[in-house]
Structures are given as C-alpha cells and as structure tokens.
Amino acid sequence: MMLGFAKMHGLGNDFMVVDGVSQQIFFSEGQIKKLADRNRGVGFDQLLLVEPPQQPDVDFHYRIFNADGREVEQCGNGARCLARFVRHLGLTWKNKIRVSTINGLMNLHILRNGLVSVEMGVPKLEPHDVPLNQSEEAESYQIEIQNKSLSFGAVSMGNPHCVITVDDVQKADVQGIGSQLERHQLFPQGANINFMQIVARDEIRLRVFERGVGETLACGSGACASAVIANIQNKTDKRVKVYLPGGHLHIEWNGRGEILKMMGPAELVYQGYIEL
C-alpha cells in the first residue's frame, strides 16, 4: 500500500502527518516504530493521524502516536501542524477548526500572519487528574533522584507533565533525570519531564524530555504546563513567552478554571509517499 503523508514541524518538533479522511489506514505499533526511524524510515517525534469527525459539532478527530508506537493524549505543536495540514490539503477551508482527541475537544485558529492559536483546555492540577500518586494537591512535590531531593510541579494539559525549576536550563541533566522520571512510579501513566528556567516575569527557557520520545526541540504542551506551574508558584504573569531549543511560543493563562491559549508557528517541510 502506498501511503500519502506530509512531514511538518512546530519549532523543530517534527511530525509525520497522515490524512485518514480520504485514506483508510491502520497503524500497528511496529509500523510506527519503523516509520519513526530517522535512518530507515521517515523519522519523526510523533505521528499525527487526521480522521473523520466522531461527533456532529467537530471538524476532525485527531490522534497522536509517539515514536515508540504508543498512542498519547495531547500534542500542542502537533495541533498547530494539523490545522495547517487540513487547510493545505483542502480538507477544510475554515480558519477556525474544532477537533476531538481521546481526551476531549480543541479549538484551533489559523491567524492571518500564518501563526496558529490553540485553545489547550483547562489545566488540571488535582493529583488524580494528572495522574500523580499523591493524596493532596500542592504547588510543589518532592522526589529522590540520583541521591538528590528534587522539587517539581505536576499538571495535566490533556497529557501528564512534571515541571522542574532549574537555575540554568543548559546545564540541566535532561537525559539522565528525564529518563528516570518519565516512567517513575509516581506517574502511573508516565509523564513528560520539563526543565524550566525562569528568566523574567514574562519569559521562560525550557527543555523537555518527552515520554516515549526523549528530548525534543520543542514541546507545545510542555510549554503550556511550565507556564501554568510558574504562574501558580507566582514566578510569572498570565502572559509569558516560552523559549525552547527550536524557537518560542506565546502562552496566555488567566488562572485556575480558565482555558489556556498557546500561539506559535507550524511549517510544512515536504509531502511524499511511502509503501507500507
């Protein structure tokens, strides 16, 4: 079978994006792992699959698979790429697009300047919503890693995030700590591990070890999660610019119970076909 796809990226966080509306396709975990191989496949951080809507008030259903083949709940950079992808293919001509995911609904808005704004939903901070194996919610929690006590915040942006504040993000042991924490028993569904440096009330620097992927050039949901934790710990204001290795995102959050908004770019690299 010849499969049409597009290669896209959001700040270097790269994706294989597949039209499952006009193509009938099912991916096994093994196929995704082979496609994700950067030497023998397409190579990507996540595979994004656009499917027909499953309910009347949405335009598309949106599925995300990590490079290890596992389906996950959320990807902010991917959501922006999805919006540009469906417009590029002519699957819709709307600038405002509503999609469903395995975790809820998202509203995407393609702006005149080419950037995409995403309503990422209401951040969830209760431990059972993250999920996090703690009995009560706190602004920060403690964990022992590499014989050191680390403080972290936890939040769900539709997927679980652990946020660690560091003095210098360039010196953070992203690989060592990230690989130990992503599947730690504190996180029953695993977690994305964010290393956050506060630069100013409106500026964060961030590196992210993504669950099932490793460190990526950018993580949209990680940028959102870090902005939330920084805000509830009173380290930043409601509007913040988050700098990642691949570029920057604009995050706006007005506090508990409010929908968080993320704005950033999405780029088409190329389109192609591959035989499955």
Protein backbone atom coordinates (compact mmCIF):
# COMPACT_ATOMS: atom_id res chain seq x y z
CA MET A 1 0.00 0.00 0.00
CA MET A 2 1.27 3.45 -0.95
CA LEU A 3 0.56 5.93 1.82
CA GLY A 4 0.50 9.68 1.27
CA PHE A 5 1.85 11.82 4.09
CA ALA A 6 3.37 15.18 4.95
CA LYS A 7 6.43 15.98 7.02
CA MET A 8 5.82 19.01 9.25
CA HIS A 9 7.33 20.65 12.29
CA GLY A 10 6.47 23.11 15.03
CA LEU A 11 9.70 24.74 16.26
CA GLY A 12 11.64 21.65 15.22
CA ASN A 13 9.30 19.21 16.99
CA ASP A 14 8.70 17.10 13.88
CA PHE A 15 5.78 15.03 12.69
CA MET A 16 4.64 12.63 10.03
CA VAL A 17 1.07 13.78 9.34
CA VAL A 18 -1.34 11.38 7.65
CA ASP A 19 -4.72 12.04 6.05
CA GLY A 20 -7.02 9.34 7.40
CA VAL A 21 -10.08 11.06 5.93
CA SER A 22 -9.51 10.15 2.26
CA GLN A 23 -7.19 7.22 3.02
CA GLN A 24 -8.16 4.17 5.05
CA ILE A 25 -5.23 3.32 7.29
CA PHE A 26 -4.45 1.44 10.50
CA PHE A 27 -1.01 1.63 12.09
CA SER A 28 0.43 -1.11 14.26
CA GLU A 29 2.91 -0.22 16.99
CA GLY A 30 5.65 -1.94 15.00
CA GLN A 31 4.88 0.05 11.83
CA ILE A 32 5.05 3.33 13.75
CA LYS A 33 8.43 2.42 15.23
CA LYS A 34 9.78 1.63 11.75
CA LEU A 35 8.39 4.85 10.27
CA ALA A 36 9.87 6.87 13.15
CA ASP A 37 13.39 5.54 12.47
CA ARG A 38 15.45 8.51 11.26
CA ASN A 39 17.82 6.31 9.24
CA ARG A 40 15.43 3.75 7.72
CA GLY A 41 12.05 5.47 7.85
CA VAL A 42 10.51 8.92 7.60
CA GLY A 43 11.81 9.96 11.02
CA PHE A 44 9.71 11.95 13.49
CA ASP A 45 8.94 12.68 17.12
CA GLN A 46 5.23 11.92 16.68
CA LEU A 47 2.90 10.56 14.02
CA LEU A 48 -0.32 12.56 13.65
CA LEU A 49 -3.41 10.93 12.15
CA VAL A 50 -6.36 13.05 10.98
CA GLU A 51 -9.62 11.11 10.91
CA PRO A 52 -13.27 11.93 10.10
CA PRO A 53 -15.25 13.52 12.96
CA GLN A 54 -16.80 11.22 15.52
CA GLN A 55 -19.44 13.73 16.62
CA PRO A 56 -21.53 16.37 14.85
CA ASP A 57 -20.00 19.53 16.37
CA VAL A 58 -16.38 18.92 15.34
CA ASP A 59 -14.48 19.01 12.05
CA PHE A 60 -11.93 16.20 12.56
CA HIS A 61 -10.73 13.59 15.03
CA TYR A 62 -7.04 13.92 15.94
CA ARG A 63 -4.80 11.03 17.08
CA ILE A 64 -1.16 11.21 18.24
CA PHE A 65 1.39 8.39 18.36
CA ASN A 66 4.84 8.74 19.90
CA ALA A 67 7.93 7.36 18.19
CA ASP A 68 7.73 4.27 20.42
CA GLY A 69 4.38 3.40 18.82
CA ARG A 70 2.19 4.26 21.79
CA GLU A 71 -0.87 6.46 21.36
CA VAL A 72 -0.85 9.54 23.60
CA GLU A 73 -3.40 12.12 24.63
CA GLN A 74 -2.10 15.51 23.56
CA CYS A 75 0.45 17.38 21.44
CA GLY A 76 0.28 21.15 21.21
CA ASN A 77 2.85 21.58 18.44
CA GLY A 78 1.10 18.80 16.55
CA ALA A 79 -2.26 20.53 16.87
CA ARG A 80 -0.89 23.61 15.12
CA CYS A 81 0.55 21.44 12.34
CA LEU A 82 -2.76 19.62 12.00
CA ALA A 83 -4.56 22.92 11.42
CA ARG A 84 -2.16 23.91 8.63
CA PHE A 85 -2.25 20.37 7.18
CA VAL A 86 -6.03 20.13 6.72
CA ARG A 87 -6.09 23.57 5.10
CA HIS A 88 -3.16 22.72 2.82
CA LEU A 89 -4.88 19.53 1.60
CA GLY A 90 -8.22 21.30 1.15
CA LEU A 91 -9.95 19.06 3.69
CA THR A 92 -11.46 22.28 5.05
CA TRP A 93 -11.35 25.98 4.17
CA LYS A 94 -12.14 27.14 7.69
CA ASN A 95 -9.74 29.29 9.68
CA LYS A 96 -11.35 28.13 12.93
CA ILE A 97 -11.27 24.36 13.29
CA ARG A 98 -12.61 22.18 16.07
CA VAL A 99 -11.12 18.74 16.65
CA SER A 100 -11.73 15.91 19.08
CA THR A 101 -8.99 13.87 20.72
CA ILE A 102 -9.07 10.85 23.03
CA ASN A 103 -9.04 13.39 25.85
CA GLY A 104 -11.59 16.00 24.76
CA LEU A 105 -12.07 18.89 22.32
CA MET A 106 -9.65 21.52 20.98
CA ASN A 107 -10.26 24.76 19.08
CA LEU A 108 -7.61 25.76 16.52
CA HIS A 109 -7.42 29.18 14.85
CA ILE A 110 -5.21 29.89 11.82
CA LEU A 111 -4.26 33.57 12.06
CA ARG A 112 -3.58 35.99 9.20
CA ASN A 113 0.13 36.08 10.00
CA GLY A 114 0.35 32.31 9.47
CA LEU A 115 0.66 31.51 13.16
CA VAL A 116 -1.82 29.14 14.78
CA SER A 117 -3.58 29.75 18.09
CA VAL A 118 -4.72 26.70 20.06
CA GLU A 119 -7.14 26.57 22.97
CA MET A 120 -5.46 23.86 25.02
CA GLY A 121 -8.29 23.44 27.52
CA VAL A 122 -8.33 23.96 31.28
CA PRO A 123 -5.14 22.74 33.03
CA LYS A 124 -5.81 20.04 35.61
CA LEU A 125 -3.87 20.24 38.86
CA GLU A 126 -5.54 17.66 41.10
CA PRO A 127 -3.21 14.65 41.51
CA HIS A 128 -5.81 12.11 40.31
CA ASP A 129 -6.30 14.16 37.12
CA VAL A 130 -2.58 14.36 36.21
CA PRO A 131 -2.37 11.42 37.22
CA LEU A 132 0.12 11.61 40.10
CA ASN A 133 0.39 9.22 43.03
CA GLN A 134 -0.11 11.84 45.73
CA SER A 135 -3.07 12.22 48.08
CA GLU A 136 -3.35 16.03 48.06
CA GLU A 137 -2.67 18.82 45.58
CA ALA A 138 0.38 21.02 46.24
CA GLU A 139 2.23 23.76 44.40
CA SER A 140 5.30 21.52 44.51
CA TYR A 141 6.15 17.92 45.38
CA GLN A 142 9.40 16.17 46.36
CA ILE A 143 11.16 13.19 44.77
CA GLU A 144 14.52 11.47 45.26
CA ILE A 145 16.55 11.12 42.05
CA GLN A 146 20.28 10.39 41.81
CA ASN A 147 20.54 10.66 45.61
CA LYS A 148 19.19 14.20 45.47
CA SER A 149 15.85 15.64 46.52
CA LEU A 150 14.12 17.41 43.64
CA SER A 151 11.12 19.71 43.83
CA PHE A 152 8.62 19.59 40.95
CA GLY A 153 5.17 20.75 39.93
CA ALA A 154 2.64 18.49 38.21
CA VAL A 155 -0.19 19.31 35.82
CA SER A 156 -2.20 17.69 33.04
CA MET A 157 -2.58 19.56 29.75
CA GLY A 158 -4.53 16.58 28.42
CA ASN A 159 -1.29 14.64 29.00
CA PRO A 160 0.78 14.37 32.20
CA HIS A 161 3.62 16.81 32.90
CA CYS A 162 6.30 17.11 35.58
CA VAL A 163 7.94 20.56 35.78
CA ILE A 164 11.31 21.02 37.48
CA THR A 165 12.72 24.52 38.04
CA VAL A 166 16.46 24.79 37.35
CA ASP A 167 18.98 27.64 37.61
CA ASP A 168 20.42 27.09 34.13
CA VAL A 169 18.48 25.02 31.59
CA GLN A 170 21.61 24.49 29.50
CA LYS A 171 23.30 22.66 32.39
CA ALA A 172 20.27 20.55 33.33
CA ASP A 173 20.66 16.75 33.16
CA VAL A 174 17.72 16.36 30.81
CA GLN A 175 18.63 12.88 29.59
CA GLY A 176 19.63 11.42 32.96
CA ILE A 177 16.79 12.78 35.08
CA GLY A 178 14.23 12.70 32.29
CA SER A 179 14.78 9.02 31.51
CA GLN A 180 14.39 8.11 35.21
CA LEU A 181 11.29 10.20 35.80
CA GLU A 182 9.26 9.57 32.62
CA ARG A 183 8.16 6.13 33.88
CA HIS A 184 8.56 6.69 37.63
CA GLN A 185 6.01 5.04 39.94
CA LEU A 186 4.78 8.50 40.94
CA PHE A 187 3.33 8.80 37.43
CA PRO A 188 1.11 5.78 36.70
CA GLN A 189 0.76 6.78 33.03
CA GLY A 190 4.28 8.18 32.73
CA ALA A 191 4.99 11.88 32.29
CA ASN A 192 6.70 14.45 30.10
CA ILE A 193 9.58 15.95 32.09
CA ASN A 194 10.08 19.70 31.75
CA PHE A 195 13.22 21.57 32.86
CA MET A 196 12.28 25.23 33.35
CA GLN A 197 14.46 28.28 33.91
CA ILE A 198 12.66 31.49 34.95
CA VAL A 199 14.28 34.45 33.17
CA ALA A 200 11.70 37.15 33.95
CA ARG A 201 8.02 37.55 34.87
CA ASP A 202 7.20 37.19 31.18
CA GLU A 203 9.95 34.83 29.98
CA ILE A 204 10.79 31.14 30.49
CA ARG A 205 13.51 28.96 28.99
CA LEU A 206 12.64 25.30 28.65
CA ARG A 207 13.94 21.88 27.66
CA VAL A 208 11.64 18.85 27.58
CA PHE A 209 12.19 15.10 27.80
CA GLU A 210 9.05 13.73 26.17
CA ARG A 211 7.54 10.46 27.32
CA GLY A 212 8.30 7.74 24.78
CA VAL A 213 10.44 10.05 22.62
CA GLY A 214 13.32 11.62 24.57
CA GLU A 215 14.43 15.24 24.38
CA THR A 216 12.81 17.19 21.55
CA LEU A 217 13.50 20.62 20.10
CA ALA A 218 10.10 21.81 21.32
CA CYS A 219 7.03 20.60 23.19
CA GLY A 220 3.88 22.71 22.99
CA SER A 221 2.01 21.04 25.84
CA GLY A 222 5.22 21.19 27.90
CA ALA A 223 5.47 24.93 27.32
CA CYS A 224 1.86 25.27 28.48
CA ALA A 225 2.42 23.06 31.54
CA SER A 226 5.52 25.00 32.54
CA ALA A 227 3.71 28.33 32.19
CA VAL A 228 0.95 27.01 34.46
CA ILE A 229 3.33 25.78 37.17
CA ALA A 230 5.37 29.01 37.03
CA ASN A 231 2.16 31.02 37.36
CA ILE A 232 0.70 29.13 40.33
CA GLN A 233 4.09 29.36 42.06
CA ASN A 234 3.92 33.15 41.47
CA LYS A 235 7.06 33.21 39.34
CA THR A 236 5.47 34.60 36.14
CA ASP A 237 2.50 36.65 34.95
CA LYS A 238 -0.50 35.44 32.92
CA ARG A 239 1.21 36.12 29.58
CA VAL A 240 4.61 34.54 29.03
CA LYS A 241 6.98 33.80 26.18
CA VAL A 242 8.49 30.31 26.39
CA TYR A 243 11.84 29.78 24.63
CA LEU A 244 12.70 26.22 23.61
CA PRO A 245 15.71 24.96 21.59
CA GLY A 246 13.61 25.15 18.41
CA GLY A 247 12.06 28.58 18.93
CA HIS A 248 9.45 30.29 21.11
CA LEU A 249 5.74 30.10 21.90
CA HIS A 250 3.32 32.61 23.39
CA ILE A 251 1.23 31.31 26.30
CA GLU A 252 -1.69 33.06 28.00
CA TRP A 253 -3.50 31.72 31.08
CA ASN A 254 -5.77 33.71 33.39
CA GLY A 255 -5.65 31.26 36.28
CA ARG A 256 -7.43 28.25 37.73
CA GLY A 257 -10.52 27.12 35.86
CA GLU A 258 -9.60 29.13 32.76
CA ILE A 259 -8.77 27.84 29.27
CA LEU A 260 -5.09 28.20 28.35
CA LYS A 261 -4.15 29.59 24.92
CA MET A 262 -0.96 28.85 23.01
CA MET A 263 0.22 30.59 19.83
CA GLY A 264 3.09 29.63 17.55
CA PRO A 265 4.20 28.56 14.05
CA ALA A 266 3.65 25.36 12.07
CA GLU A 267 5.66 24.55 8.96
CA LEU A 268 5.22 22.13 6.05
CA VAL A 269 8.57 20.55 5.10
CA TYR A 270 7.52 18.25 2.25
CA GLN A 271 4.87 15.82 1.03
CA GLY A 272 5.55 12.29 -0.11
CA TYR A 273 4.50 8.65 -0.39
CA ILE A 274 5.82 5.59 1.38
CA GLU A 275 5.00 1.93 0.88
CA LEU A 276 3.70 0.14 3.97
